[in-house]
Amino acid sequence: MLEILKDFKNGDFDMLMFTPNSEKDDVVDIETVQYTERGEKIDISEMGDSYDIVLFKEDEEGNIANLDHFEAILTDCLEYASGLIPHSWYGFICKKTTTSHVVLNKILDNIKNM
């Protein structure tokens, strides 16, 4: 696991955000969020929780490129992010709950309006 993610290992959060820093090109901002309305987990399996994942890269001008949105079952979202961040991927890993679609729709709307 990346050193910058270890502080979040025992945290209780619903979403992990890893986004480009607006001032420094080589810095990633990492934040965790709890949904205001947490809801009940959905699509749980024996392997792990289900997540909505939004990933993107930035082009040379700092615009969003390679936007992708998909669902996945993850055993550890921090380990998953640890594999993405070194390859200049940014995104949002959102735990699927009965209320998470509200947050996910806001994220997608904000990205599309950038």
N, C-alpha and C. Protein backbone atom coordinates (compact mmCIF):
# COMPACT_ATOMS: atom_id res chain seq x y z
N MET A 1 0.85 -1.18 0.00
CA MET A 1 0.00 0.00 0.00
C MET A 1 0.89 1.24 0.00
N LEU A 2 0.46 2.25 -0.73
CA LEU A 2 1.20 3.51 -0.75
C LEU A 2 1.23 4.14 0.63
N GLU A 3 2.36 4.72 0.96
CA GLU A 3 2.53 5.36 2.26
C GLU A 3 1.46 6.42 2.53
N ILE A 4 1.11 7.18 1.50
CA ILE A 4 0.13 8.27 1.69
C ILE A 4 -1.27 7.77 2.02
N LEU A 5 -1.53 6.49 1.79
CA LEU A 5 -2.86 5.93 2.08
C LEU A 5 -2.92 5.20 3.42
N LYS A 6 -1.79 4.92 4.02
CA LYS A 6 -1.77 4.14 5.26
C LYS A 6 -2.52 4.81 6.40
N ASP A 7 -2.54 6.14 6.42
CA ASP A 7 -3.26 6.85 7.49
C ASP A 7 -4.77 6.61 7.44
N PHE A 8 -5.28 6.17 6.31
CA PHE A 8 -6.72 5.95 6.14
C PHE A 8 -7.13 4.50 6.40
N LYS A 9 -6.16 3.63 6.68
CA LYS A 9 -6.40 2.19 6.75
C LYS A 9 -7.51 1.79 7.73
N ASN A 10 -7.56 2.38 8.88
CA ASN A 10 -8.57 1.99 9.87
C ASN A 10 -9.74 2.96 9.94
N GLY A 11 -9.87 3.81 8.95
CA GLY A 11 -10.94 4.80 8.96
C GLY A 11 -12.28 4.24 8.54
N ASP A 12 -13.31 4.88 9.00
CA ASP A 12 -14.68 4.51 8.63
C ASP A 12 -15.17 5.55 7.62
N PHE A 13 -15.07 5.20 6.34
CA PHE A 13 -15.46 6.14 5.30
C PHE A 13 -16.24 5.43 4.20
N ASP A 14 -17.00 6.22 3.45
CA ASP A 14 -17.81 5.68 2.36
C ASP A 14 -17.21 5.95 0.99
N MET A 15 -16.36 7.00 0.92
CA MET A 15 -15.80 7.37 -0.37
C MET A 15 -14.34 7.79 -0.20
N LEU A 16 -13.52 7.34 -1.12
CA LEU A 16 -12.12 7.75 -1.20
C LEU A 16 -11.97 8.59 -2.45
N MET A 17 -11.43 9.79 -2.26
CA MET A 17 -11.20 10.69 -3.40
C MET A 17 -9.69 10.90 -3.53
N PHE A 18 -9.17 10.73 -4.73
CA PHE A 18 -7.76 11.02 -5.00
C PHE A 18 -7.74 11.85 -6.28
N THR A 19 -7.48 13.13 -6.10
CA THR A 19 -7.62 14.11 -7.17
C THR A 19 -6.34 14.92 -7.34
N PRO A 20 -6.16 15.52 -8.53
CA PRO A 20 -4.95 16.32 -8.75
C PRO A 20 -4.95 17.57 -7.87
N ASN A 21 -3.79 17.91 -7.37
CA ASN A 21 -3.64 19.14 -6.60
C ASN A 21 -3.65 20.31 -7.56
N SER A 22 -4.39 21.35 -7.23
CA SER A 22 -4.55 22.48 -8.15
C SER A 22 -3.30 23.35 -8.24
N GLU A 23 -2.38 23.22 -7.29
CA GLU A 23 -1.19 24.08 -7.29
C GLU A 23 0.10 23.37 -7.67
N LYS A 24 0.19 22.08 -7.39
CA LYS A 24 1.43 21.34 -7.65
C LYS A 24 1.13 20.14 -8.55
N ASP A 25 1.83 20.05 -9.66
CA ASP A 25 1.58 18.99 -10.64
C ASP A 25 1.87 17.59 -10.11
N ASP A 26 2.82 17.44 -9.24
CA ASP A 26 3.23 16.11 -8.80
C ASP A 26 2.62 15.70 -7.47
N VAL A 27 1.53 16.36 -7.06
CA VAL A 27 0.89 16.09 -5.78
C VAL A 27 -0.54 15.61 -6.00
N VAL A 28 -0.92 14.60 -5.25
CA VAL A 28 -2.28 14.07 -5.28
C VAL A 28 -2.95 14.42 -3.96
N ASP A 29 -4.15 15.00 -4.04
CA ASP A 29 -4.93 15.27 -2.83
C ASP A 29 -5.77 14.04 -2.53
N ILE A 30 -5.71 13.59 -1.29
CA ILE A 30 -6.47 12.40 -0.88
C ILE A 30 -7.38 12.79 0.26
N GLU A 31 -8.64 12.38 0.13
CA GLU A 31 -9.64 12.72 1.15
C GLU A 31 -10.63 11.57 1.24
N THR A 32 -11.14 11.36 2.45
CA THR A 32 -12.21 10.38 2.63
C THR A 32 -13.47 11.12 3.07
N VAL A 33 -14.61 10.54 2.76
CA VAL A 33 -15.90 11.17 3.05
C VAL A 33 -16.87 10.12 3.57
N GLN A 34 -17.68 10.53 4.52
CA GLN A 34 -18.83 9.72 4.92
C GLN A 34 -20.06 10.36 4.29
N TYR A 35 -20.92 9.52 3.72
CA TYR A 35 -22.17 10.05 3.16
C TYR A 35 -23.00 10.66 4.27
N THR A 36 -23.68 11.76 3.96
CA THR A 36 -24.57 12.38 4.93
C THR A 36 -25.67 11.41 5.32
N GLU A 37 -26.26 10.79 4.32
CA GLU A 37 -27.25 9.72 4.52
C GLU A 37 -26.54 8.43 4.13
N ARG A 38 -26.06 7.69 5.11
CA ARG A 38 -25.20 6.55 4.83
C ARG A 38 -25.90 5.40 4.13
N GLY A 39 -27.13 5.13 4.42
CA GLY A 39 -27.85 4.04 3.78
C GLY A 39 -27.29 2.68 4.16
N GLU A 40 -27.85 1.65 3.56
CA GLU A 40 -27.42 0.27 3.78
C GLU A 40 -26.58 -0.19 2.60
N LYS A 41 -25.51 -0.95 2.86
CA LYS A 41 -24.68 -1.49 1.79
C LYS A 41 -25.54 -2.35 0.86
N ILE A 42 -25.22 -2.29 -0.41
CA ILE A 42 -25.91 -3.14 -1.39
C ILE A 42 -24.87 -3.88 -2.23
N ASP A 43 -25.30 -4.94 -2.86
CA ASP A 43 -24.46 -5.76 -3.72
C ASP A 43 -23.22 -6.27 -3.00
N ILE A 44 -23.38 -6.74 -1.78
CA ILE A 44 -22.27 -7.26 -0.98
C ILE A 44 -22.01 -8.70 -1.42
N SER A 45 -20.75 -9.07 -1.49
CA SER A 45 -20.40 -10.45 -1.80
C SER A 45 -19.44 -10.98 -0.75
N GLU A 46 -19.13 -12.26 -0.84
CA GLU A 46 -18.18 -12.86 0.10
C GLU A 46 -16.78 -12.28 -0.09
N MET A 47 -16.49 -11.77 -1.29
CA MET A 47 -15.16 -11.23 -1.57
C MET A 47 -14.97 -9.81 -1.05
N GLY A 48 -16.04 -9.05 -0.95
CA GLY A 48 -15.91 -7.67 -0.49
C GLY A 48 -17.14 -6.85 -0.81
N ASP A 49 -17.02 -5.56 -0.55
CA ASP A 49 -18.12 -4.63 -0.81
C ASP A 49 -18.13 -4.21 -2.27
N SER A 50 -19.28 -3.76 -2.72
CA SER A 50 -19.43 -3.26 -4.08
C SER A 50 -19.22 -1.75 -4.08
N TYR A 51 -18.54 -1.27 -5.12
CA TYR A 51 -18.20 0.15 -5.24
C TYR A 51 -18.55 0.65 -6.62
N ASP A 52 -18.93 1.92 -6.69
CA ASP A 52 -18.98 2.66 -7.93
C ASP A 52 -17.64 3.37 -8.04
N ILE A 53 -16.99 3.23 -9.18
CA ILE A 53 -15.66 3.79 -9.36
C ILE A 53 -15.68 4.74 -10.54
N VAL A 54 -15.16 5.94 -10.32
CA VAL A 54 -15.01 6.94 -11.37
C VAL A 54 -13.52 7.24 -11.47
N LEU A 55 -12.94 7.00 -12.64
CA LEU A 55 -11.51 7.23 -12.85
C LEU A 55 -11.30 8.16 -14.03
N PHE A 56 -10.21 8.92 -13.97
CA PHE A 56 -9.85 9.79 -15.08
C PHE A 56 -8.36 10.11 -15.01
N LYS A 57 -7.86 10.61 -16.11
CA LYS A 57 -6.50 11.15 -16.18
C LYS A 57 -6.64 12.60 -16.62
N GLU A 58 -5.54 13.33 -16.56
CA GLU A 58 -5.52 14.70 -17.07
C GLU A 58 -4.66 14.72 -18.33
N ASP A 59 -5.07 15.53 -19.32
CA ASP A 59 -4.23 15.72 -20.49
C ASP A 59 -3.21 16.82 -20.21
N GLU A 60 -2.42 17.18 -21.21
CA GLU A 60 -1.35 18.17 -21.02
C GLU A 60 -1.87 19.53 -20.57
N GLU A 61 -3.09 19.87 -20.92
CA GLU A 61 -3.68 21.16 -20.54
C GLU A 61 -4.40 21.10 -19.20
N GLY A 62 -4.41 19.95 -18.56
CA GLY A 62 -5.09 19.81 -17.28
C GLY A 62 -6.57 19.49 -17.39
N ASN A 63 -7.02 19.15 -18.60
CA ASN A 63 -8.42 18.77 -18.81
C ASN A 63 -8.60 17.28 -18.51
N ILE A 64 -9.81 16.93 -18.12
CA ILE A 64 -10.11 15.53 -17.83
C ILE A 64 -10.10 14.71 -19.11
N ALA A 65 -9.38 13.59 -19.06
CA ALA A 65 -9.30 12.68 -20.20
C ALA A 65 -9.51 11.25 -19.68
N ASN A 66 -9.89 10.37 -20.57
CA ASN A 66 -10.06 8.95 -20.24
C ASN A 66 -11.04 8.72 -19.09
N LEU A 67 -12.12 9.46 -19.05
CA LEU A 67 -13.13 9.30 -18.00
C LEU A 67 -13.78 7.94 -18.11
N ASP A 68 -13.85 7.24 -16.99
CA ASP A 68 -14.48 5.92 -16.97
C ASP A 68 -15.28 5.78 -15.67
N HIS A 69 -16.41 5.12 -15.77
CA HIS A 69 -17.27 4.86 -14.60
C HIS A 69 -17.71 3.40 -14.68
N PHE A 70 -17.51 2.67 -13.60
CA PHE A 70 -17.90 1.26 -13.58
C PHE A 70 -18.12 0.81 -12.14
N GLU A 71 -18.67 -0.38 -11.99
CA GLU A 71 -18.88 -0.98 -10.68
C GLU A 71 -17.88 -2.12 -10.50
N ALA A 72 -17.45 -2.32 -9.26
CA ALA A 72 -16.52 -3.42 -8.97
C ALA A 72 -16.67 -3.85 -7.52
N ILE A 73 -16.33 -5.09 -7.27
CA ILE A 73 -16.25 -5.60 -5.90
C ILE A 73 -14.78 -5.55 -5.51
N LEU A 74 -14.50 -4.88 -4.40
CA LEU A 74 -13.12 -4.72 -3.95
C LEU A 74 -12.94 -5.32 -2.56
N THR A 75 -11.83 -5.99 -2.36
CA THR A 75 -11.50 -6.47 -1.02
C THR A 75 -10.92 -5.35 -0.18
N ASP A 76 -10.24 -4.38 -0.83
CA ASP A 76 -9.63 -3.25 -0.13
C ASP A 76 -9.50 -2.09 -1.10
N CYS A 77 -10.30 -1.06 -0.91
CA CYS A 77 -10.28 0.07 -1.85
C CYS A 77 -8.97 0.85 -1.78
N LEU A 78 -8.30 0.84 -0.63
CA LEU A 78 -7.02 1.55 -0.50
C LEU A 78 -5.92 0.84 -1.30
N GLU A 79 -5.93 -0.47 -1.29
CA GLU A 79 -4.97 -1.22 -2.12
C GLU A 79 -5.24 -0.98 -3.60
N TYR A 80 -6.51 -0.92 -3.96
CA TYR A 80 -6.87 -0.66 -5.36
C TYR A 80 -6.35 0.70 -5.78
N ALA A 81 -6.59 1.72 -4.95
CA ALA A 81 -6.11 3.07 -5.27
C ALA A 81 -4.59 3.12 -5.32
N SER A 82 -3.93 2.31 -4.49
CA SER A 82 -2.46 2.27 -4.49
C SER A 82 -1.89 1.82 -5.83
N GLY A 83 -2.65 1.05 -6.56
CA GLY A 83 -2.21 0.63 -7.89
C GLY A 83 -2.49 1.66 -8.97
N LEU A 84 -3.40 2.57 -8.72
CA LEU A 84 -3.78 3.57 -9.71
C LEU A 84 -2.97 4.87 -9.62
N ILE A 85 -2.76 5.34 -8.41
CA ILE A 85 -2.15 6.66 -8.19
C ILE A 85 -0.76 6.78 -8.84
N PRO A 86 0.12 5.78 -8.74
CA PRO A 86 1.44 5.92 -9.36
C PRO A 86 1.40 6.02 -10.89
N HIS A 87 0.28 5.67 -11.49
CA HIS A 87 0.13 5.71 -12.94
C HIS A 87 -0.71 6.90 -13.40
N SER A 88 -0.78 7.93 -12.54
CA SER A 88 -1.45 9.20 -12.84
C SER A 88 -2.95 9.05 -13.06
N TRP A 89 -3.58 8.08 -12.42
CA TRP A 89 -5.03 7.98 -12.42
C TRP A 89 -5.56 8.73 -11.20
N TYR A 90 -6.68 9.38 -11.39
CA TYR A 90 -7.37 10.08 -10.32
C TYR A 90 -8.79 9.55 -10.27
N GLY A 91 -9.48 9.79 -9.14
CA GLY A 91 -10.86 9.34 -9.13
C GLY A 91 -11.52 9.30 -7.78
N PHE A 92 -12.65 8.60 -7.80
CA PHE A 92 -13.54 8.48 -6.65
C PHE A 92 -13.95 7.02 -6.54
N ILE A 93 -13.76 6.46 -5.37
CA ILE A 93 -14.19 5.09 -5.10
C ILE A 93 -15.29 5.18 -4.06
N CYS A 94 -16.52 4.92 -4.51
CA CYS A 94 -17.72 5.16 -3.70
C CYS A 94 -18.39 3.84 -3.31
N LYS A 95 -18.47 3.58 -2.01
CA LYS A 95 -19.14 2.38 -1.53
C LYS A 95 -20.60 2.42 -1.95
N LYS A 96 -21.09 1.33 -2.55
CA LYS A 96 -22.49 1.29 -2.99
C LYS A 96 -23.41 1.06 -1.79
N THR A 97 -24.34 2.00 -1.62
CA THR A 97 -25.36 1.89 -0.58
C THR A 97 -26.70 2.28 -1.19
N THR A 98 -27.73 2.18 -0.38
CA THR A 98 -29.06 2.55 -0.87
C THR A 98 -29.16 4.05 -1.13
N THR A 99 -28.20 4.85 -0.66
CA THR A 99 -28.24 6.30 -0.87
C THR A 99 -27.06 6.84 -1.68
N SER A 100 -26.09 6.01 -2.01
CA SER A 100 -24.86 6.48 -2.65
C SER A 100 -25.07 7.05 -4.05
N HIS A 101 -26.15 6.67 -4.71
CA HIS A 101 -26.39 7.17 -6.07
C HIS A 101 -26.51 8.70 -6.09
N VAL A 102 -26.96 9.31 -4.99
CA VAL A 102 -27.09 10.77 -4.93
C VAL A 102 -25.71 11.41 -5.04
N VAL A 103 -24.75 10.91 -4.26
CA VAL A 103 -23.39 11.44 -4.29
C VAL A 103 -22.74 11.15 -5.64
N LEU A 104 -22.90 9.95 -6.15
CA LEU A 104 -22.30 9.57 -7.43
C LEU A 104 -22.82 10.45 -8.56
N ASN A 105 -24.11 10.71 -8.60
CA ASN A 105 -24.67 11.56 -9.65
C ASN A 105 -24.11 12.97 -9.58
N LYS A 106 -23.90 13.51 -8.38
CA LYS A 106 -23.29 14.84 -8.24
C LYS A 106 -21.87 14.85 -8.76
N ILE A 107 -21.11 13.81 -8.45
CA ILE A 107 -19.73 13.72 -8.93
C ILE A 107 -19.71 13.70 -10.45
N LEU A 108 -20.51 12.84 -11.05
CA LEU A 108 -20.53 12.73 -12.51
C LEU A 108 -21.00 14.03 -13.16
N ASP A 109 -22.00 14.69 -12.61
CA ASP A 109 -22.46 15.97 -13.14
C ASP A 109 -21.36 17.02 -13.07
N ASN A 110 -20.66 17.09 -11.94
CA ASN A 110 -19.58 18.06 -11.79
C ASN A 110 -18.45 17.82 -12.78
N ILE A 111 -18.10 16.57 -12.99
CA ILE A 111 -17.03 16.25 -13.95
C ILE A 111 -17.47 16.61 -15.37
N LYS A 112 -18.68 16.30 -15.72
CA LYS A 112 -19.15 16.58 -17.08
C LYS A 112 -19.27 18.07 -17.36
N ASN A 113 -19.47 18.86 -16.31
CA ASN A 113 -19.60 20.32 -16.49
C ASN A 113 -18.28 21.07 -16.35
N MET A 114 -17.19 20.35 -16.25
CA MET A 114 -15.88 21.00 -16.14
C MET A 114 -15.37 21.45 -17.49
